[in-house]
């Protein structure tokens, strides 16, 4: 595979990256050199060349040069059990629903809907997810949560079986279980 940038371009690229998002970097590369990159290619390029942007994203403690130092110390001052709304929305995924998280320990957060389910029914087994029956990720009522397997969740998303009506979503879960089981049986027959 040929290189995306020559040595001179890579040197200028490395100087530009700190403090800029993937979308900003892709725009700069297109404007300067006419090379069109996706955000994923920008991230891959950064990883391949060991370039760090320094942005404060999803890991605590990595400093964002555009934010004050008090912002970075905020997570350290929060007590265990603190609930906060995690509104990290990127330009790549603007429709992503907000998730409320609860601090479990130092640098360890858990989604609140998982905590509510585990308090009521015990730990969530590996390979299972909790879904919101009414589609509202801010409604943590135990009657609004259901447990599905990863395979069932994939079928529900693929077939658009998640609705704002709880009864419709429950029916979608039943249909997803049936379809998932059907897919498993077909796969077993195909491997024989």
C-alpha atoms as a PDB file:
ATOM      1  CA  UNK A   1       0.000   0.000   0.000  1.00  0.00           C
ATOM      2  CA  UNK A   2       1.321   3.416  -0.893  1.00  0.00           C
ATOM      3  CA  UNK A   3       1.784   6.081   1.753  1.00  0.00           C
ATOM      4  CA  UNK A   4      -0.883   8.744   2.068  1.00  0.00           C
ATOM      5  CA  UNK A   5       1.531  11.573   2.810  1.00  0.00           C
ATOM      6  CA  UNK A   6       5.129  12.164   1.751  1.00  0.00           C
ATOM      7  CA  UNK A   7       7.801  13.113   4.312  1.00  0.00           C
ATOM      8  CA  UNK A   8       7.310  16.868   3.947  1.00  0.00           C
ATOM      9  CA  UNK A   9       3.530  16.566   4.278  1.00  0.00           C
ATOM     10  CA  UNK A  10       3.866  14.221   7.252  1.00  0.00           C
ATOM     11  CA  UNK A  11       6.109  16.731   9.041  1.00  0.00           C
ATOM     12  CA  UNK A  12       3.514  19.520   8.557  1.00  0.00           C
ATOM     13  CA  UNK A  13       0.752  17.076   9.529  1.00  0.00           C
ATOM     14  CA  UNK A  14       2.473  16.205  12.832  1.00  0.00           C
ATOM     15  CA  UNK A  15       2.705  19.905  13.720  1.00  0.00           C
ATOM     16  CA  UNK A  16      -0.993  20.476  12.990  1.00  0.00           C
ATOM     17  CA  UNK A  17      -2.514  17.473  14.825  1.00  0.00           C
ATOM     18  CA  UNK A  18      -2.145  18.504  18.521  1.00  0.00           C
ATOM     19  CA  UNK A  19      -5.368  20.072  19.777  1.00  0.00           C
ATOM     20  CA  UNK A  20      -7.430  19.270  16.680  1.00  0.00           C
ATOM     21  CA  UNK A  21     -10.213  16.733  16.126  1.00  0.00           C
ATOM     22  CA  UNK A  22     -10.149  14.101  13.406  1.00  0.00           C
ATOM     23  CA  UNK A  23     -12.669  16.070  11.322  1.00  0.00           C
ATOM     24  CA  UNK A  24     -10.558  19.244  11.576  1.00  0.00           C
ATOM     25  CA  UNK A  25      -7.428  17.336  10.577  1.00  0.00           C
ATOM     26  CA  UNK A  26      -9.181  15.729   7.576  1.00  0.00           C
ATOM     27  CA  UNK A  27     -10.375  19.167   6.449  1.00  0.00           C
ATOM     28  CA  UNK A  28      -6.845  20.616   6.754  1.00  0.00           C
ATOM     29  CA  UNK A  29      -5.343  17.747   4.729  1.00  0.00           C
ATOM     30  CA  UNK A  30      -7.947  18.201   1.984  1.00  0.00           C
ATOM     31  CA  UNK A  31      -7.516  21.985   1.851  1.00  0.00           C
ATOM     32  CA  UNK A  32      -3.691  21.865   1.800  1.00  0.00           C
ATOM     33  CA  UNK A  33      -2.922  18.789  -0.304  1.00  0.00           C
ATOM     34  CA  UNK A  34      -6.237  17.756  -1.900  1.00  0.00           C
ATOM     35  CA  UNK A  35      -6.147  14.347  -0.199  1.00  0.00           C
ATOM     36  CA  UNK A  36      -9.554  13.277   1.059  1.00  0.00           C
ATOM     37  CA  UNK A  37      -9.433  11.367   4.362  1.00  0.00           C
ATOM     38  CA  UNK A  38     -12.186  10.009   6.564  1.00  0.00           C
ATOM     39  CA  UNK A  39     -11.967  10.473  10.320  1.00  0.00           C
ATOM     40  CA  UNK A  40     -11.174   6.750  10.637  1.00  0.00           C
ATOM     41  CA  UNK A  41      -8.225   7.127   8.231  1.00  0.00           C
ATOM     42  CA  UNK A  42      -6.980  10.119  10.231  1.00  0.00           C
ATOM     43  CA  UNK A  43      -7.060   8.052  13.426  1.00  0.00           C
ATOM     44  CA  UNK A  44      -5.326   5.132  11.685  1.00  0.00           C
ATOM     45  CA  UNK A  45      -2.666   7.500  10.332  1.00  0.00           C
ATOM     46  CA  UNK A  46      -2.122   8.915  13.824  1.00  0.00           C
ATOM     47  CA  UNK A  47      -1.780   5.446  15.327  1.00  0.00           C
ATOM     48  CA  UNK A  48       0.601   4.252  12.578  1.00  0.00           C
ATOM     49  CA  UNK A  49       2.857   7.275  13.073  1.00  0.00           C
ATOM     50  CA  UNK A  50       2.466   7.412  16.883  1.00  0.00           C
ATOM     51  CA  UNK A  51       0.938  10.915  16.805  1.00  0.00           C
ATOM     52  CA  UNK A  52      -1.170  12.022  19.757  1.00  0.00           C
ATOM     53  CA  UNK A  53      -3.697  14.856  19.498  1.00  0.00           C
ATOM     54  CA  UNK A  54      -3.785  15.515  23.257  1.00  0.00           C
ATOM     55  CA  UNK A  55      -7.560  15.853  23.166  1.00  0.00           C
ATOM     56  CA  UNK A  56      -9.575  15.047  26.245  1.00  0.00           C
ATOM     57  CA  UNK A  57     -11.923  12.428  24.885  1.00  0.00           C
ATOM     58  CA  UNK A  58     -13.151   9.367  26.659  1.00  0.00           C
ATOM     59  CA  UNK A  59     -10.204   8.634  28.937  1.00  0.00           C
ATOM     60  CA  UNK A  60      -9.748  10.742  32.042  1.00  0.00           C
ATOM     61  CA  UNK A  61      -6.408  12.348  32.653  1.00  0.00           C
ATOM     62  CA  UNK A  62      -5.422  13.103  29.080  1.00  0.00           C
ATOM     63  CA  UNK A  63      -5.275  16.868  28.887  1.00  0.00           C
ATOM     64  CA  UNK A  64      -7.138  18.894  26.290  1.00  0.00           C
ATOM     65  CA  UNK A  65      -5.138  22.073  25.634  1.00  0.00           C
ATOM     66  CA  UNK A  66      -8.377  23.945  24.954  1.00  0.00           C
ATOM     67  CA  UNK A  67      -9.823  23.262  28.429  1.00  0.00           C
ATOM     68  CA  UNK A  68      -8.877  24.676  31.809  1.00  0.00           C
ATOM     69  CA  UNK A  69      -7.004  22.621  34.372  1.00  0.00           C
ATOM     70  CA  UNK A  70     -10.044  22.751  36.682  1.00  0.00           C
ATOM     71  CA  UNK A  71     -12.000  20.817  34.033  1.00  0.00           C
ATOM     72  CA  UNK A  72      -9.471  17.965  34.120  1.00  0.00           C
ATOM     73  CA  UNK A  73      -9.539  17.797  37.933  1.00  0.00           C
ATOM     74  CA  UNK A  74     -13.346  17.594  38.019  1.00  0.00           C
ATOM     75  CA  UNK A  75     -13.473  13.804  37.724  1.00  0.00           C
ATOM     76  CA  UNK A  76     -11.082  13.459  40.671  1.00  0.00           C
ATOM     77  CA  UNK A  77     -13.298  15.610  42.907  1.00  0.00           C
ATOM     78  CA  UNK A  78     -16.468  13.618  42.161  1.00  0.00           C
ATOM     79  CA  UNK A  79     -17.438  11.206  44.928  1.00  0.00           C
ATOM     80  CA  UNK A  80     -18.136   7.537  44.301  1.00  0.00           C
ATOM     81  CA  UNK A  81     -21.836   7.161  43.511  1.00  0.00           C
ATOM     82  CA  UNK A  82     -21.986  10.498  41.700  1.00  0.00           C
ATOM     83  CA  UNK A  83     -24.357  10.463  38.748  1.00  0.00           C
ATOM     84  CA  UNK A  84     -23.606  12.502  35.656  1.00  0.00           C
ATOM     85  CA  UNK A  85     -25.032  12.747  32.179  1.00  0.00           C
ATOM     86  CA  UNK A  86     -22.416  11.706  29.648  1.00  0.00           C
ATOM     87  CA  UNK A  87     -23.064  13.899  26.622  1.00  0.00           C
ATOM     88  CA  UNK A  88     -19.873  13.150  24.703  1.00  0.00           C
ATOM     89  CA  UNK A  89     -21.121  13.499  21.157  1.00  0.00           C
ATOM     90  CA  UNK A  90     -18.672  13.520  18.322  1.00  0.00           C
ATOM     91  CA  UNK A  91     -19.157  15.133  14.940  1.00  0.00           C
ATOM     92  CA  UNK A  92     -19.138  11.602  13.502  1.00  0.00           C
ATOM     93  CA  UNK A  93     -22.094  10.408  15.601  1.00  0.00           C
ATOM     94  CA  UNK A  94     -24.374  13.409  16.248  1.00  0.00           C
ATOM     95  CA  UNK A  95     -27.507  11.294  16.850  1.00  0.00           C
ATOM     96  CA  UNK A  96     -26.000   9.256  19.657  1.00  0.00           C
ATOM     97  CA  UNK A  97     -28.293   9.181  22.706  1.00  0.00           C
ATOM     98  CA  UNK A  98     -26.955  10.602  25.969  1.00  0.00           C
ATOM     99  CA  UNK A  99     -26.079   8.049  28.629  1.00  0.00           C
ATOM    100  CA  UNK A 100     -26.132   8.700  32.366  1.00  0.00           C
ATOM    101  CA  UNK A 101     -23.160   7.179  34.179  1.00  0.00           C
ATOM    102  CA  UNK A 102     -22.450   6.572  37.879  1.00  0.00           C
ATOM    103  CA  UNK A 103     -19.013   6.676  39.457  1.00  0.00           C
ATOM    104  CA  UNK A 104     -18.142   3.234  40.906  1.00  0.00           C
ATOM    105  CA  UNK A 105     -14.515   3.817  41.926  1.00  0.00           C
ATOM    106  CA  UNK A 106     -11.604   6.043  40.981  1.00  0.00           C
ATOM    107  CA  UNK A 107     -11.573   6.267  37.162  1.00  0.00           C
ATOM    108  CA  UNK A 108     -14.348   3.640  36.913  1.00  0.00           C
ATOM    109  CA  UNK A 109     -17.807   4.608  35.694  1.00  0.00           C
ATOM    110  CA  UNK A 110     -20.818   2.423  34.955  1.00  0.00           C
ATOM    111  CA  UNK A 111     -23.926   3.248  32.906  1.00  0.00           C
ATOM    112  CA  UNK A 112     -26.794   3.950  35.297  1.00  0.00           C
ATOM    113  CA  UNK A 113     -29.251   1.621  33.530  1.00  0.00           C
ATOM    114  CA  UNK A 114     -26.863  -1.310  34.081  1.00  0.00           C
ATOM    115  CA  UNK A 115     -26.546  -0.364  37.773  1.00  0.00           C
ATOM    116  CA  UNK A 116     -30.348  -0.226  38.168  1.00  0.00           C
ATOM    117  CA  UNK A 117     -30.746  -3.656  36.527  1.00  0.00           C
ATOM    118  CA  UNK A 118     -28.005  -5.218  38.662  1.00  0.00           C
ATOM    119  CA  UNK A 119     -29.525  -3.839  41.879  1.00  0.00           C
ATOM    120  CA  UNK A 120     -32.857  -5.450  40.994  1.00  0.00           C
ATOM    121  CA  UNK A 121     -31.787  -8.753  39.391  1.00  0.00           C
ATOM    122  CA  UNK A 122     -28.076  -9.274  40.044  1.00  0.00           C
ATOM    123  CA  UNK A 123     -25.092  -9.118  37.679  1.00  0.00           C
ATOM    124  CA  UNK A 124     -25.643  -9.011  33.933  1.00  0.00           C
ATOM    125  CA  UNK A 125     -24.123 -12.128  32.333  1.00  0.00           C
ATOM    126  CA  UNK A 126     -21.461 -11.779  29.652  1.00  0.00           C
ATOM    127  CA  UNK A 127     -23.017 -11.523  26.207  1.00  0.00           C
ATOM    128  CA  UNK A 128     -26.165  -9.722  27.411  1.00  0.00           C
ATOM    129  CA  UNK A 129     -27.315  -6.097  27.179  1.00  0.00           C
ATOM    130  CA  UNK A 130     -29.999  -4.009  28.799  1.00  0.00           C
ATOM    131  CA  UNK A 131     -32.326  -2.175  26.436  1.00  0.00           C
ATOM    132  CA  UNK A 132     -34.738   0.682  27.047  1.00  0.00           C
ATOM    133  CA  UNK A 133     -38.251  -0.497  26.174  1.00  0.00           C
ATOM    134  CA  UNK A 134     -39.522   3.007  25.386  1.00  0.00           C
ATOM    135  CA  UNK A 135     -36.320   4.000  23.560  1.00  0.00           C
ATOM    136  CA  UNK A 136     -35.628   6.795  26.081  1.00  0.00           C
ATOM    137  CA  UNK A 137     -32.092   6.392  27.436  1.00  0.00           C
ATOM    138  CA  UNK A 138     -32.892   8.721  30.343  1.00  0.00           C
ATOM    139  CA  UNK A 139     -35.790   6.615  31.732  1.00  0.00           C
ATOM    140  CA  UNK A 140     -34.210   4.255  34.307  1.00  0.00           C
ATOM    141  CA  UNK A 141     -37.357   2.696  35.687  1.00  0.00           C
ATOM    142  CA  UNK A 142     -36.847  -1.046  36.113  1.00  0.00           C
ATOM    143  CA  UNK A 143     -40.120  -1.553  34.210  1.00  0.00           C
ATOM    144  CA  UNK A 144     -38.512   0.233  31.245  1.00  0.00           C
ATOM    145  CA  UNK A 145     -35.479  -2.097  31.078  1.00  0.00           C
ATOM    146  CA  UNK A 146     -35.179  -5.523  29.463  1.00  0.00           C
ATOM    147  CA  UNK A 147     -32.271  -7.958  29.164  1.00  0.00           C
ATOM    148  CA  UNK A 148     -31.412  -9.360  25.716  1.00  0.00           C
ATOM    149  CA  UNK A 149     -28.483 -11.256  24.265  1.00  0.00           C
ATOM    150  CA  UNK A 150     -26.029  -9.532  21.949  1.00  0.00           C
ATOM    151  CA  UNK A 151     -27.416 -11.574  19.020  1.00  0.00           C
ATOM    152  CA  UNK A 152     -30.997 -10.558  19.835  1.00  0.00           C
ATOM    153  CA  UNK A 153     -29.915  -6.919  20.117  1.00  0.00           C
ATOM    154  CA  UNK A 154     -28.287  -7.092  16.669  1.00  0.00           C
ATOM    155  CA  UNK A 155     -31.487  -8.552  15.181  1.00  0.00           C
ATOM    156  CA  UNK A 156     -33.582  -5.861  16.908  1.00  0.00           C
ATOM    157  CA  UNK A 157     -31.424  -3.104  15.414  1.00  0.00           C
ATOM    158  CA  UNK A 158     -31.238  -4.738  11.997  1.00  0.00           C
ATOM    159  CA  UNK A 159     -35.019  -5.260  11.765  1.00  0.00           C
ATOM    160  CA  UNK A 160     -35.895  -1.910  13.461  1.00  0.00           C
ATOM    161  CA  UNK A 161     -37.738  -3.619  16.320  1.00  0.00           C
ATOM    162  CA  UNK A 162     -37.043  -0.936  18.958  1.00  0.00           C
ATOM    163  CA  UNK A 163     -39.941   1.478  19.325  1.00  0.00           C
ATOM    164  CA  UNK A 164     -41.065   4.297  21.599  1.00  0.00           C
ATOM    165  CA  UNK A 165     -43.972   2.053  22.678  1.00  0.00           C
ATOM    166  CA  UNK A 166     -42.985  -0.473  25.360  1.00  0.00           C
ATOM    167  CA  UNK A 167     -45.432  -3.120  24.125  1.00  0.00           C
ATOM    168  CA  UNK A 168     -44.106  -2.931  20.577  1.00  0.00           C
ATOM    169  CA  UNK A 169     -40.501  -3.234  21.804  1.00  0.00           C
ATOM    170  CA  UNK A 170     -41.436  -6.252  23.974  1.00  0.00           C
ATOM    171  CA  UNK A 171     -42.984  -7.872  20.885  1.00  0.00           C
ATOM    172  CA  UNK A 172     -39.803  -6.968  18.987  1.00  0.00           C
ATOM    173  CA  UNK A 173     -37.733  -8.756  21.649  1.00  0.00           C
ATOM    174  CA  UNK A 174     -39.865 -11.896  21.271  1.00  0.00           C
ATOM    175  CA  UNK A 175     -39.501 -11.747  17.483  1.00  0.00           C
ATOM    176  CA  UNK A 176     -35.747 -11.152  17.791  1.00  0.00           C
ATOM    177  CA  UNK A 177     -35.420 -14.227  20.057  1.00  0.00           C
ATOM    178  CA  UNK A 178     -37.256 -16.323  17.483  1.00  0.00           C
ATOM    179  CA  UNK A 179     -35.189 -15.006  14.557  1.00  0.00           C
ATOM    180  CA  UNK A 180     -31.935 -15.381  16.500  1.00  0.00           C
ATOM    181  CA  UNK A 181     -32.749 -18.993  17.329  1.00  0.00           C
ATOM    182  CA  UNK A 182     -33.688 -19.622  13.683  1.00  0.00           C
ATOM    183  CA  UNK A 183     -30.344 -18.199  12.519  1.00  0.00           C
ATOM    184  CA  UNK A 184     -28.492 -20.434  15.015  1.00  0.00           C
ATOM    185  CA  UNK A 185     -30.299 -23.563  13.788  1.00  0.00           C
ATOM    186  CA  UNK A 186     -29.583 -22.687  10.136  1.00  0.00           C
ATOM    187  CA  UNK A 187     -25.917 -22.137  10.956  1.00  0.00           C
ATOM    188  CA  UNK A 188     -25.701 -25.538  12.688  1.00  0.00           C
ATOM    189  CA  UNK A 189     -27.330 -27.276   9.716  1.00  0.00           C
ATOM    190  CA  UNK A 190     -24.973 -25.515   7.307  1.00  0.00           C
ATOM    191  CA  UNK A 191     -21.876 -26.616   9.242  1.00  0.00           C
ATOM    192  CA  UNK A 192     -22.879 -30.315   9.217  1.00  0.00           C
END
